[in-house]
Amino acid sequence: MLLTMKQRYVVDAVNKLGCLRRDQLYILTRDHFKTEDYTLSESQMDELMRQLPFLANEIRVENGVVRLSSSAPEPLRLQAIDVMLELSNGYPIRFASVHDEDLLLRFSLGCDPPRQYAVAAYSETAAALQTGKNIVWIASERLKPELLSLGRQQFYAQRQEDGSHRFFGANK
């Protein structure tokens, strides 16, 4: 089946991440195809989303979530995508879901050289085991940042009431 470049990009993003909210997918797609003369509109994205399940059988669109038929929406993974979009300003140069017990997502920012980040689910044991650089920890419940044991170049992203995140660094 022939897909447009935008449709291929959307299918690729869903394959890499497993599930995304429609608004997250719109930001990634809009910013990927944005030029001086063109910006993908909400109505164009709506049309693309209506066609998607018919063009790619493995894609499901339900309740504002776009996912692979083989995966269920995961709240922490959706939050990890929010963190990636905030840190990258909507322009991650590479991203992929990680199927690890604690790591949820890896992405790169377009610096020179590119900076790589990982988003992981926080637990004290996971934080003690992870010595890598540029890890952003998230949690399903609200944690007190001052009580967390974070390593150098590790951050905690706390979800705010408006859905954005506040970032905290190590206390050392």
Protein backbone atom coordinates (compact mmCIF):
# COMPACT_ATOMS: atom_id res chain seq x y z
CA MET A 1 0.00 0.00 0.00
CA LEU A 2 1.30 3.45 -0.89
CA LEU A 3 1.50 5.95 1.94
CA THR A 4 2.30 9.63 1.78
CA MET A 5 5.47 10.87 3.48
CA LYS A 6 3.41 12.17 6.42
CA GLN A 7 1.55 8.88 6.77
CA ARG A 8 4.84 6.93 6.67
CA TYR A 9 6.27 9.25 9.34
CA VAL A 10 3.22 8.72 11.59
CA VAL A 11 3.34 4.92 11.15
CA ASP A 12 7.09 4.97 11.89
CA ALA A 13 6.58 7.11 15.03
CA VAL A 14 3.86 4.76 16.32
CA ASN A 15 6.06 1.74 15.57
CA LYS A 16 8.96 3.30 17.48
CA LEU A 17 6.94 4.41 20.51
CA GLY A 18 4.11 1.88 20.69
CA CYS A 19 1.49 4.44 21.70
CA LEU A 20 1.08 8.22 21.64
CA ARG A 21 -1.69 10.64 22.34
CA ARG A 22 -3.03 12.36 19.23
CA ASP A 23 -1.70 15.76 20.42
CA GLN A 24 1.81 14.30 20.88
CA LEU A 25 1.73 12.77 17.41
CA TYR A 26 0.53 16.07 15.95
CA ILE A 27 3.47 17.98 17.51
CA LEU A 28 6.02 15.45 16.23
CA THR A 29 4.52 15.37 12.73
CA ARG A 30 3.92 19.12 12.47
CA ASP A 31 7.43 20.00 13.59
CA HIS A 32 9.05 17.32 11.41
CA PHE A 33 7.41 18.65 8.22
CA LYS A 34 7.45 22.35 9.09
CA THR A 35 9.13 24.61 6.54
CA GLU A 36 9.22 28.32 5.96
CA ASP A 37 6.21 28.00 3.65
CA TYR A 38 4.27 25.11 5.20
CA THR A 39 2.89 24.04 8.56
CA LEU A 40 0.65 21.00 8.99
CA SER A 41 -2.76 22.17 10.22
CA GLU A 42 -5.00 20.49 12.80
CA SER A 43 -7.57 19.72 10.10
CA GLN A 44 -4.92 18.06 7.89
CA MET A 45 -3.83 15.98 10.89
CA ASP A 46 -7.47 15.03 11.58
CA GLU A 47 -7.82 13.81 7.99
CA LEU A 48 -4.57 11.84 8.25
CA MET A 49 -5.79 10.26 11.53
CA ARG A 50 -9.14 9.28 9.97
CA GLN A 51 -7.36 7.50 7.11
CA LEU A 52 -4.65 5.85 9.19
CA PRO A 53 -6.47 2.74 10.50
CA PHE A 54 -7.55 1.89 6.93
CA LEU A 55 -4.04 2.34 5.53
CA ALA A 56 -2.07 0.58 8.26
CA ASN A 57 -3.89 -2.40 9.80
CA GLU A 58 -1.61 -2.55 12.84
CA ILE A 59 -2.57 1.01 13.94
CA ARG A 60 -5.52 1.71 16.25
CA VAL A 61 -6.94 5.14 17.08
CA GLU A 62 -9.09 5.07 20.23
CA ASN A 63 -10.02 7.77 22.75
CA GLY A 64 -7.34 10.17 21.51
CA VAL A 65 -4.58 7.53 21.69
CA VAL A 66 -2.82 6.18 18.61
CA ARG A 67 -1.28 2.78 19.26
CA LEU A 68 -0.13 -0.46 17.77
CA SER A 69 -2.85 -3.10 17.96
CA SER A 70 -0.39 -5.30 19.87
CA SER A 71 0.21 -2.76 22.67
CA ALA A 72 -1.98 -1.10 25.25
CA PRO A 73 -1.64 2.58 26.22
CA GLU A 74 0.85 3.01 29.07
CA PRO A 75 0.41 6.17 31.18
CA LEU A 76 4.12 6.40 32.13
CA ARG A 77 5.23 5.99 28.50
CA LEU A 78 2.80 8.75 27.45
CA GLN A 79 4.27 10.95 30.20
CA ALA A 80 7.79 10.09 28.98
CA ILE A 81 6.80 11.31 25.51
CA ASP A 82 5.55 14.57 27.07
CA VAL A 83 8.95 15.00 28.75
CA MET A 84 10.75 14.33 25.45
CA LEU A 85 8.59 16.90 23.64
CA GLU A 86 9.20 19.51 26.36
CA LEU A 87 12.96 19.01 26.45
CA SER A 88 13.31 18.91 22.67
CA ASN A 89 10.86 21.74 22.03
CA GLY A 90 9.02 19.32 19.73
CA TYR A 91 12.15 18.53 17.67
CA PRO A 92 13.80 15.31 18.86
CA ILE A 93 16.20 14.13 16.17
CA ARG A 94 15.91 10.45 17.13
CA PHE A 95 13.55 8.66 19.48
CA ALA A 96 12.60 5.11 20.34
CA SER A 97 10.71 3.24 22.98
CA VAL A 98 12.80 1.01 25.22
CA HIS A 99 11.44 -2.31 26.43
CA ASP A 100 13.31 -2.43 29.71
CA GLU A 101 11.97 -2.76 33.22
CA ASP A 102 12.79 0.85 34.13
CA LEU A 103 13.77 2.68 30.93
CA LEU A 104 10.81 3.89 28.90
CA LEU A 105 12.23 5.98 26.10
CA ARG A 106 15.49 7.19 24.55
CA PHE A 107 15.84 10.31 22.45
CA SER A 108 18.45 12.70 21.10
CA LEU A 109 18.49 16.47 20.93
CA GLY A 110 19.94 18.24 17.93
CA CYS A 111 22.99 19.82 19.53
CA ASP A 112 26.52 19.51 18.21
CA PRO A 113 27.30 16.77 19.15
CA PRO A 114 23.75 15.43 19.70
CA ARG A 115 22.84 14.90 23.34
CA GLN A 116 21.21 11.61 24.22
CA TYR A 117 18.64 11.26 26.99
CA ALA A 118 16.72 8.43 28.56
CA VAL A 119 13.41 8.72 30.40
CA ALA A 120 12.90 6.12 33.12
CA ALA A 121 10.38 5.18 35.80
CA TYR A 122 11.78 6.19 39.20
CA SER A 123 12.39 3.74 41.99
CA GLU A 124 15.23 3.86 44.50
CA THR A 125 16.68 0.59 43.23
CA ALA A 126 16.49 1.69 39.60
CA ALA A 127 18.14 5.03 40.46
CA ALA A 128 20.94 3.23 42.31
CA LEU A 129 21.58 0.91 39.37
CA GLN A 130 21.51 3.55 36.63
CA THR A 131 24.81 5.36 36.39
CA GLY A 132 24.28 6.67 32.87
CA LYS A 133 24.23 10.32 32.00
CA ASN A 134 21.22 12.41 31.10
CA ILE A 135 18.48 10.33 32.68
CA VAL A 136 15.14 11.99 33.36
CA TRP A 137 13.16 10.15 36.03
CA ILE A 138 9.38 10.23 36.17
CA ALA A 139 6.91 8.62 38.57
CA SER A 140 3.22 7.84 38.48
CA GLU A 141 2.78 9.45 41.91
CA ARG A 142 4.05 12.85 43.04
CA LEU A 143 7.42 12.48 44.81
CA LYS A 144 9.29 15.05 46.89
CA PRO A 145 12.31 16.03 44.77
CA GLU A 146 14.46 16.87 47.80
CA LEU A 147 14.16 13.28 49.06
CA LEU A 148 15.26 11.63 45.82
CA SER A 149 18.70 10.17 45.38
CA LEU A 150 19.76 11.40 41.95
CA GLY A 151 23.14 10.98 40.34
CA ARG A 152 25.08 13.60 38.44
CA GLN A 153 23.35 14.59 35.20
CA GLN A 154 20.12 12.96 36.36
CA PHE A 155 16.87 14.86 36.70
CA TYR A 156 13.40 14.33 38.07
CA ALA A 157 10.41 15.59 36.04
CA GLN A 158 7.40 16.35 38.20
CA ARG A 159 4.09 16.70 36.36
CA GLN A 160 2.30 19.96 37.10
CA GLU A 161 -1.45 20.61 37.20
CA ASP A 162 -1.43 21.94 33.61
CA GLY A 163 0.29 18.77 32.28
CA SER A 164 3.72 20.38 31.84
CA HIS A 165 6.73 19.29 33.93
CA ARG A 166 8.99 20.96 36.43
CA PHE A 167 12.55 19.62 36.37
CA PHE A 168 14.76 19.04 39.42
CA GLY A 169 18.46 18.14 39.46
CA ALA A 170 20.68 16.30 41.93
CA ASN A 171 20.95 17.69 45.46
CA LYS A 172 24.70 17.13 45.62
